[in-house]
Protein backbone atom coordinates (compact mmCIF):
# COMPACT_ATOMS: atom_id res chain seq x y z
CA MET A 1 36.78 52.34 89.52
CA VAL A 2 38.77 51.35 86.38
CA ALA A 3 39.29 53.84 83.58
CA GLY A 4 39.36 52.23 80.21
CA ILE A 5 41.52 53.04 76.95
CA VAL A 6 38.71 52.36 74.57
CA THR A 7 35.18 53.83 75.65
CA PRO A 8 32.70 54.66 73.07
CA SER A 9 29.39 56.10 74.08
CA ASP A 10 26.50 53.66 74.24
CA ALA A 11 25.26 52.84 70.77
CA ALA A 12 21.82 54.32 69.93
CA ASN A 13 21.19 52.02 67.47
CA ALA A 14 21.72 47.99 67.13
CA PHE A 15 25.11 46.52 67.10
CA PRO A 16 26.41 46.21 63.70
CA ASN A 17 27.25 42.39 64.36
CA LYS A 18 23.21 41.72 65.08
CA ILE A 19 21.99 38.38 63.28
CA SER A 20 18.83 39.98 61.58
CA ASP A 21 17.31 43.57 60.55
CA LYS A 22 13.80 41.78 61.09
CA TYR A 23 12.98 43.49 64.26
CA ASP A 24 14.64 47.04 63.61
CA ASP A 25 10.98 48.76 63.66
CA ARG A 26 10.45 47.55 67.28
CA PRO A 27 10.89 49.69 69.68
CA LYS A 28 14.03 48.84 72.01
CA GLN A 29 14.30 48.47 75.96
CA ARG A 30 17.97 48.90 76.55
CA GLY A 31 17.49 50.22 79.89
CA SER A 32 20.40 52.71 81.67
CA LYS A 33 23.78 51.69 82.05
CA PRO A 34 24.16 50.68 85.70
CA LYS A 35 26.14 52.90 88.03
CA ASN A 36 29.33 51.74 89.75
CA LEU A 37 30.56 49.19 87.14
CA GLY A 38 34.44 48.24 87.32
CA VAL A 39 36.64 47.29 90.15
CA GLY A 40 35.75 48.95 93.22
CA LYS A 41 35.22 48.98 96.89
CA ARG A 42 32.00 46.88 97.88
CA LYS A 43 30.09 45.85 101.21
CA ASP A 44 28.97 42.42 101.71
CA MET A 45 25.87 41.52 103.88
CA ALA A 46 27.99 41.83 107.06
CA GLY A 47 29.03 45.13 106.11
CA GLY A 48 32.48 44.30 105.87
CA GLU A 49 34.28 45.90 102.99
CA TYR A 50 36.03 44.09 100.09
CA ILE A 51 37.31 45.15 96.56
CA GLY A 52 35.22 43.66 93.66
CA LEU A 53 33.09 44.05 90.66
CA LYS A 54 29.61 45.35 91.21
CA GLU A 55 27.38 42.84 93.31
CA CYS A 56 24.34 41.05 91.83
CA GLY A 57 20.96 41.70 93.34
CA ALA A 58 18.19 39.16 94.29
CA ALA A 59 16.86 38.72 91.03
CA PRO A 60 18.37 35.48 89.13
CA ASN A 61 19.60 37.35 86.23
CA CYS A 62 22.97 37.93 87.41
CA PHE A 63 26.40 36.07 87.97
CA CYS A 64 29.39 37.76 89.54
CA SER A 65 32.55 35.99 90.79
CA THR A 66 33.17 38.45 93.34
CA ASP A 67 30.10 37.99 95.05
CA SER A 68 30.78 36.02 98.43
CA ILE A 69 29.59 32.35 97.92
CA GLU A 70 28.52 32.45 101.75
CA ASP A 71 26.19 35.59 100.99
CA SER A 72 24.98 34.66 97.57
CA PRO A 73 25.77 31.39 96.33
CA ASP A 74 23.03 31.68 93.59
CA THR A 75 25.19 34.42 91.93
CA ASN A 76 28.56 33.41 92.63
CA ILE A 77 30.71 31.75 90.14
CA PRO A 78 34.25 30.74 90.07
CA PRO A 79 36.71 33.42 88.59
CA PHE A 80 38.59 32.54 85.09
CA LYS A 81 42.18 31.40 85.41
CA TRP A 82 44.68 31.59 82.38
CA ASP A 83 47.39 28.88 81.91
CA THR A 84 50.55 30.62 83.06
CA SER A 85 52.71 28.41 81.07
CA LYS A 86 50.91 29.64 77.90
CA LEU A 87 50.63 33.17 78.94
CA SER A 88 53.31 35.06 80.75
CA SER A 89 51.54 38.31 81.52
CA ARG A 90 48.30 39.84 82.25
CA GLN A 91 48.55 42.03 78.79
CA ASP A 92 49.08 38.59 76.92
CA ALA A 93 46.00 37.16 78.90
CA PHE A 94 43.77 39.96 78.29
CA GLN A 95 44.75 40.21 74.61
CA GLN A 96 43.77 36.59 74.38
CA LEU A 97 40.49 36.91 76.40
CA HIS A 98 39.72 39.83 73.97
CA GLU A 99 40.28 37.79 70.89
CA VAL A 100 37.71 35.34 72.61
CA VAL A 101 35.26 37.79 73.11
CA LYS A 102 35.40 39.24 69.68
CA ALA A 103 34.98 35.86 68.31
CA TYR A 104 31.63 35.52 70.32
CA GLN A 105 28.68 34.29 67.79
CA PRO A 106 25.70 36.57 68.18
CA GLY A 107 22.64 34.21 68.20
CA GLN A 108 24.49 31.14 69.79
CA ALA A 109 21.94 29.01 71.87
CA ASN A 110 19.40 31.69 70.66
CA ILE A 111 20.81 34.53 72.63
CA ASP A 112 22.32 37.63 71.95
CA GLY A 113 21.04 38.06 68.43
CA GLY A 114 21.34 41.71 68.50
CA GLY A 115 24.88 41.35 68.85
CA PHE A 116 27.69 42.94 71.34
CA ASN A 117 29.90 45.75 71.62
CA VAL A 118 33.35 45.80 73.12
CA VAL A 119 32.94 49.27 75.30
CA THR A 120 36.36 49.03 76.98
CA PHE A 121 39.24 46.98 76.42
CA ASP A 122 42.38 47.71 78.70
CA PRO A 123 45.03 45.08 78.99
CA GLU A 124 47.28 47.22 80.84
CA GLU A 125 45.01 47.66 83.70
CA GLY A 126 43.43 44.01 83.17
CA TYR A 127 39.69 44.99 82.52
CA ILE A 128 37.12 44.24 79.69
CA TYR A 129 33.53 45.78 79.46
CA VAL A 130 31.27 44.47 76.76
CA GLN A 131 27.50 45.05 76.27
CA PHE A 132 25.26 42.36 74.81
CA GLU A 133 21.93 42.99 73.06
CA SER A 134 18.92 40.59 72.48
CA LEU A 135 17.58 40.50 69.03
CA LYS A 136 13.54 41.27 69.60
CA ASN A 137 13.26 44.03 72.38
CA GLY A 138 17.13 45.06 72.56
CA TYR A 139 17.44 44.34 76.24
CA ILE A 140 21.04 45.02 76.86
CA ASP A 141 23.35 42.90 79.32
CA ASP A 142 26.48 44.16 80.94
CA VAL A 143 29.48 41.70 81.21
CA GLU A 144 32.77 42.58 82.88
CA PHE A 145 36.40 40.70 82.96
CA ALA A 146 38.49 42.24 85.64
CA MET A 147 41.78 41.79 87.46
CA ILE A 148 41.89 42.67 91.18
CA ASN A 149 45.16 41.28 92.27
CA LYS A 150 47.76 42.12 89.62
CA ASP A 151 50.26 39.42 90.98
CA ASP A 152 48.13 36.59 90.18
CA ASN A 153 46.33 35.05 87.01
CA VAL A 154 42.79 35.21 88.40
CA VAL A 155 40.04 37.15 85.95
CA GLN A 156 36.90 37.97 87.85
CA VAL A 157 33.71 37.65 85.68
CA ARG A 158 30.21 39.52 85.92
CA SER A 159 27.38 39.09 83.65
CA ALA A 160 23.96 40.90 84.44
CA SER A 161 20.70 41.77 82.87
CA ARG A 162 19.56 45.54 83.05
CA LEU A 163 15.85 44.88 83.26
CA GLY A 164 13.40 42.46 84.30
CA TYR A 165 13.55 39.66 86.79
CA LEU A 166 14.00 36.53 84.92
CA ASP A 167 16.76 35.91 82.18
CA PHE A 168 15.66 32.69 81.07
CA GLY A 169 19.11 31.30 81.18
CA VAL A 170 20.65 34.02 79.10
CA ASN A 171 23.50 34.92 81.22
CA ALA A 172 24.48 31.52 82.04
CA LYS A 173 24.66 30.60 78.47
CA ARG A 174 26.84 33.47 77.75
CA ILE A 175 29.29 32.75 80.32
CA ASN A 176 29.30 28.85 79.41
CA TYR A 177 30.13 29.96 75.78
CA LEU A 178 33.36 32.34 76.46
CA ALA A 179 34.26 29.62 79.19
CA ASN A 180 34.14 26.99 76.85
CA ALA A 181 36.17 28.87 74.24
CA LEU A 182 38.47 29.93 77.04
CA ARG A 183 38.79 26.11 78.21
CA GLN A 184 40.22 25.31 74.47
CA LYS A 185 43.04 27.55 75.06
CA GLY A 186 44.14 26.19 78.42
CA TRP A 187 42.16 28.29 80.80
CA ASP A 188 40.54 27.13 83.98
CA ALA A 189 37.13 28.27 83.52
CA PRO A 190 34.35 26.17 85.00
CA GLY A 191 31.65 28.75 83.99
CA VAL A 192 28.06 28.13 85.50
CA LEU A 193 27.29 24.65 86.46
CA LEU A 194 23.74 23.31 86.77
CA GLU A 195 24.65 21.35 89.67
CA THR A 196 25.51 24.30 91.69
CA HIS A 197 22.90 26.55 90.35
CA ARG A 198 19.46 24.35 90.18
CA GLY A 199 17.61 27.42 92.09
CA TYR A 200 18.66 29.78 89.21
CA ALA A 201 17.82 26.95 86.47
CA GLU A 202 14.43 26.26 88.15
CA GLU A 203 13.24 29.94 88.53
CA ASN A 204 14.12 30.53 84.92
CA GLY A 205 12.58 27.28 83.78
CA VAL A 206 15.81 26.07 82.02
CA SER A 207 17.09 22.41 82.24
CA ASN A 208 20.69 23.38 80.77
CA PHE A 209 23.17 26.01 79.94
C-alpha cells in the first residue's frame, strides 16, 4: 500500500472548512475508515490479480477508474491524464492536482458542506487521499488519486461513500467538479457521464451531475 507523507489522524470533529455550524449539535455518522485503501493487489471477478485502488461494491455510491469496465461498468470511470506539454513530471502533476483539491468549494451543488481534509499528499509517490464530509449527518466519503505506472501520465481515481446504499449523486458531482477544474488546466478528465452511468442516475433519483 502507498505510504503517505502527511497523515494526520481522522478528525474527531467537523472539518474547519465546513460551510456552517448549524448542525454541530447533531450526532455525526462518519463510519470507519475503509481497510485496504491505496494502491494494492486486487482480484477481478474471474479471480485474476491486478494492481489498483480498492474496488467498489454493488451499491451505487462509488466510482473507481481501476474497476474493470467489463466486470463493473456502473462503477468504472476513465482515469485522469495531465498534459505532458505543460507538466513534465509526476511531482508537478500532483502538486497541481493538490492545488485543485485544496481549492474545492464545500457546499458546491449542495454537497460536502461539512468540508474536507487532505489526509495524505505524497507527490513523490503520486498519491492523494482526501476525506469529504456531509453537513447535516457528517457522512464521510473517501477520495483517492494515485499513479500505478510511474512511467505514464495517468492518474487513477476513486470516490466512495462509507455508509448507506444510495449517494444521491454526491460522488458523481464531486468527481465532476474536480474534473472540470482540471480540464481548465489542460487535463484530460472526463468525469462521470450521464450517458454511460444512467443506471447510477436512475437508482439515485438524479437527472444530472
